[in-house]
Amino acid sequence: MIDRIEASADALWVTPDETGAMKIGFADNGRQLVGPVTAIEWLIALGPVKLETPFMIIRGEQESLTLRLPFSGRVTKLNTQLNQQPEQLNHRNDSIAWLLELIDD
């Protein structure tokens, strides 16, 4: 299992919205590291979080990757649809391959 902060940072994309919330998603580099995604495991819930907190394990056909938060703040949304359909992360589509939404407190 890969558990390096550098790998985690490369595996994520971050997009701020007009309210200042940051949507964090699974990037192409992450897909290359793990191969086709087969399962996920959430390590956090909604609420306050710290920088570099492990928030998810993504399991793929090649490898598993522990993702860490690139910011501190408060998690306001989790993409829980991924619990039943983790394979959505196999596609480059920001509207479905997002993981969580975070705001800076």
C-alpha atoms as a PDB file:
ATOM      1  CA  MET A   1       0.000   0.000   0.000  1.00  0.00           C
ATOM      2  CA  ILE A   2       1.295   3.434  -0.933  1.00  0.00           C
ATOM      3  CA  ASP A   3       1.140   5.854   2.002  1.00  0.00           C
ATOM      4  CA  ARG A   4       3.303   8.774   0.908  1.00  0.00           C
ATOM      5  CA  ILE A   5       2.186  12.385   1.137  1.00  0.00           C
ATOM      6  CA  GLU A   6       3.786  13.131  -2.241  1.00  0.00           C
ATOM      7  CA  ALA A   7       1.836  10.350  -3.952  1.00  0.00           C
ATOM      8  CA  SER A   8      -1.339  11.567  -2.309  1.00  0.00           C
ATOM      9  CA  ALA A   9      -0.808  15.145  -3.510  1.00  0.00           C
ATOM     10  CA  ASP A  10      -0.183  13.957  -7.085  1.00  0.00           C
ATOM     11  CA  ALA A  11      -3.357  11.871  -6.977  1.00  0.00           C
ATOM     12  CA  LEU A  12      -5.666  14.801  -6.203  1.00  0.00           C
ATOM     13  CA  TRP A  13      -7.155  17.761  -8.008  1.00  0.00           C
ATOM     14  CA  VAL A  14      -8.538  20.793  -6.162  1.00  0.00           C
ATOM     15  CA  THR A  15     -11.088  23.270  -7.513  1.00  0.00           C
ATOM     16  CA  PRO A  16     -12.371  26.230  -5.472  1.00  0.00           C
ATOM     17  CA  ASP A  17     -15.913  27.461  -6.068  1.00  0.00           C
ATOM     18  CA  GLU A  18     -17.405  30.942  -5.773  1.00  0.00           C
ATOM     19  CA  THR A  19     -18.148  30.447  -2.047  1.00  0.00           C
ATOM     20  CA  GLY A  20     -14.543  29.513  -1.224  1.00  0.00           C
ATOM     21  CA  ALA A  21     -15.288  25.817  -0.747  1.00  0.00           C
ATOM     22  CA  MET A  22     -12.684  23.508  -2.265  1.00  0.00           C
ATOM     23  CA  LYS A  23     -13.823  20.397  -4.099  1.00  0.00           C
ATOM     24  CA  ILE A  24     -11.161  17.684  -3.996  1.00  0.00           C
ATOM     25  CA  GLY A  25     -11.161  14.856  -6.509  1.00  0.00           C
ATOM     26  CA  PHE A  26      -9.197  11.896  -7.801  1.00  0.00           C
ATOM     27  CA  ALA A  27      -6.727  12.847 -10.546  1.00  0.00           C
ATOM     28  CA  ASP A  28      -5.183  11.000 -13.482  1.00  0.00           C
ATOM     29  CA  ASN A  29      -1.927  10.403 -11.579  1.00  0.00           C
ATOM     30  CA  GLY A  30      -3.880   8.537  -8.910  1.00  0.00           C
ATOM     31  CA  ARG A  31      -5.549   6.357 -11.512  1.00  0.00           C
ATOM     32  CA  GLN A  32      -2.137   5.513 -12.956  1.00  0.00           C
ATOM     33  CA  LEU A  33      -0.807   4.558  -9.507  1.00  0.00           C
ATOM     34  CA  VAL A  34      -3.639   2.230  -8.478  1.00  0.00           C
ATOM     35  CA  GLY A  35      -4.969   0.959 -11.789  1.00  0.00           C
ATOM     36  CA  PRO A  36      -8.702   0.382 -12.146  1.00  0.00           C
ATOM     37  CA  VAL A  37     -10.403   1.255  -8.842  1.00  0.00           C
ATOM     38  CA  THR A  38     -12.145  -1.665  -7.150  1.00  0.00           C
ATOM     39  CA  ALA A  39     -13.028  -0.302  -3.676  1.00  0.00           C
ATOM     40  CA  ILE A  40     -12.774   2.707  -1.378  1.00  0.00           C
ATOM     41  CA  GLU A  41     -12.745   3.198   2.373  1.00  0.00           C
ATOM     42  CA  TRP A  42     -13.530   6.502   4.075  1.00  0.00           C
ATOM     43  CA  LEU A  43     -11.285   7.342   7.038  1.00  0.00           C
ATOM     44  CA  ILE A  44     -13.062  10.580   8.063  1.00  0.00           C
ATOM     45  CA  ALA A  45     -16.545  11.999   8.579  1.00  0.00           C
ATOM     46  CA  LEU A  46     -17.978  15.485   8.159  1.00  0.00           C
ATOM     47  CA  GLY A  47     -16.420  18.077  10.429  1.00  0.00           C
ATOM     48  CA  PRO A  48     -13.055  19.644  11.241  1.00  0.00           C
ATOM     49  CA  VAL A  49      -9.874  18.099   9.813  1.00  0.00           C
ATOM     50  CA  LYS A  50      -6.159  18.855   9.879  1.00  0.00           C
ATOM     51  CA  LEU A  51      -3.586  19.098   7.122  1.00  0.00           C
ATOM     52  CA  GLU A  52      -2.259  15.676   6.012  1.00  0.00           C
ATOM     53  CA  THR A  53      -5.023  13.737   7.773  1.00  0.00           C
ATOM     54  CA  PRO A  54      -5.574  10.418   5.977  1.00  0.00           C
ATOM     55  CA  PHE A  55      -9.114  10.613   4.583  1.00  0.00           C
ATOM     56  CA  MET A  56      -9.550   7.706   2.180  1.00  0.00           C
ATOM     57  CA  ILE A  57      -8.026   4.466   1.003  1.00  0.00           C
ATOM     58  CA  ILE A  58      -8.499   3.756  -2.689  1.00  0.00           C
ATOM     59  CA  ARG A  59      -7.944   0.143  -3.697  1.00  0.00           C
ATOM     60  CA  GLY A  60      -7.143  -0.660  -7.285  1.00  0.00           C
ATOM     61  CA  GLU A  61      -6.150  -3.708  -9.283  1.00  0.00           C
ATOM     62  CA  GLN A  62      -2.455  -2.718  -9.052  1.00  0.00           C
ATOM     63  CA  GLU A  63      -2.104  -0.975  -5.685  1.00  0.00           C
ATOM     64  CA  SER A  64      -3.872   0.704  -2.777  1.00  0.00           C
ATOM     65  CA  LEU A  65      -3.325   4.368  -1.986  1.00  0.00           C
ATOM     66  CA  THR A  66      -3.999   6.261   1.242  1.00  0.00           C
ATOM     67  CA  LEU A  67      -5.068   9.803   0.393  1.00  0.00           C
ATOM     68  CA  ARG A  68      -4.212  12.657   2.766  1.00  0.00           C
ATOM     69  CA  LEU A  69      -5.846  16.070   3.004  1.00  0.00           C
ATOM     70  CA  PRO A  70      -3.919  18.857   1.276  1.00  0.00           C
ATOM     71  CA  PHE A  71      -5.547  21.500   3.554  1.00  0.00           C
ATOM     72  CA  SER A  72      -6.983  21.857   7.011  1.00  0.00           C
ATOM     73  CA  GLY A  73     -10.546  23.053   7.428  1.00  0.00           C
ATOM     74  CA  ARG A  74     -13.990  21.539   7.727  1.00  0.00           C
ATOM     75  CA  VAL A  75     -15.339  18.763   5.506  1.00  0.00           C
ATOM     76  CA  THR A  76     -18.865  19.747   4.441  1.00  0.00           C
ATOM     77  CA  LYS A  77     -19.614  17.033   1.853  1.00  0.00           C
ATOM     78  CA  LEU A  78     -18.463  13.510   1.085  1.00  0.00           C
ATOM     79  CA  ASN A  79     -19.235  11.835  -2.232  1.00  0.00           C
ATOM     80  CA  THR A  80     -20.949   8.844  -0.635  1.00  0.00           C
ATOM     81  CA  GLN A  81     -22.156   7.603  -4.044  1.00  0.00           C
ATOM     82  CA  LEU A  82     -18.643   6.197  -4.363  1.00  0.00           C
ATOM     83  CA  ASN A  83     -19.431   3.667  -1.613  1.00  0.00           C
ATOM     84  CA  GLN A  84     -21.659   1.745  -4.037  1.00  0.00           C
ATOM     85  CA  GLN A  85     -19.886   2.759  -7.260  1.00  0.00           C
ATOM     86  CA  PRO A  86     -16.127   3.175  -6.633  1.00  0.00           C
ATOM     87  CA  GLU A  87     -15.501   2.462 -10.314  1.00  0.00           C
ATOM     88  CA  GLN A  88     -16.718   6.027 -11.025  1.00  0.00           C
ATOM     89  CA  LEU A  89     -13.188   7.069 -10.032  1.00  0.00           C
ATOM     90  CA  ASN A  90     -11.822   5.280 -13.108  1.00  0.00           C
ATOM     91  CA  HIS A  91     -13.071   8.076 -15.363  1.00  0.00           C
ATOM     92  CA  ARG A  92     -11.866  11.624 -15.781  1.00  0.00           C
ATOM     93  CA  ASN A  93     -15.126  13.357 -15.031  1.00  0.00           C
ATOM     94  CA  ASP A  94     -14.954  15.990 -12.295  1.00  0.00           C
ATOM     95  CA  SER A  95     -18.704  15.864 -11.725  1.00  0.00           C
ATOM     96  CA  ILE A  96     -18.526  12.217 -10.570  1.00  0.00           C
ATOM     97  CA  ALA A  97     -14.842  11.657  -9.630  1.00  0.00           C
ATOM     98  CA  TRP A  98     -14.871  14.139  -6.762  1.00  0.00           C
ATOM     99  CA  LEU A  99     -14.216  12.909  -3.236  1.00  0.00           C
ATOM    100  CA  LEU A 100     -15.111  15.656  -0.784  1.00  0.00           C
ATOM    101  CA  GLU A 101     -15.738  19.332  -0.255  1.00  0.00           C
ATOM    102  CA  LEU A 102     -13.706  21.292   2.286  1.00  0.00           C
ATOM    103  CA  ILE A 103     -13.984  24.855   3.573  1.00  0.00           C
ATOM    104  CA  ASP A 104     -11.294  26.838   5.342  1.00  0.00           C
ATOM    105  CA  ASP A 105     -12.390  27.703   8.889  1.00  0.00           C
END
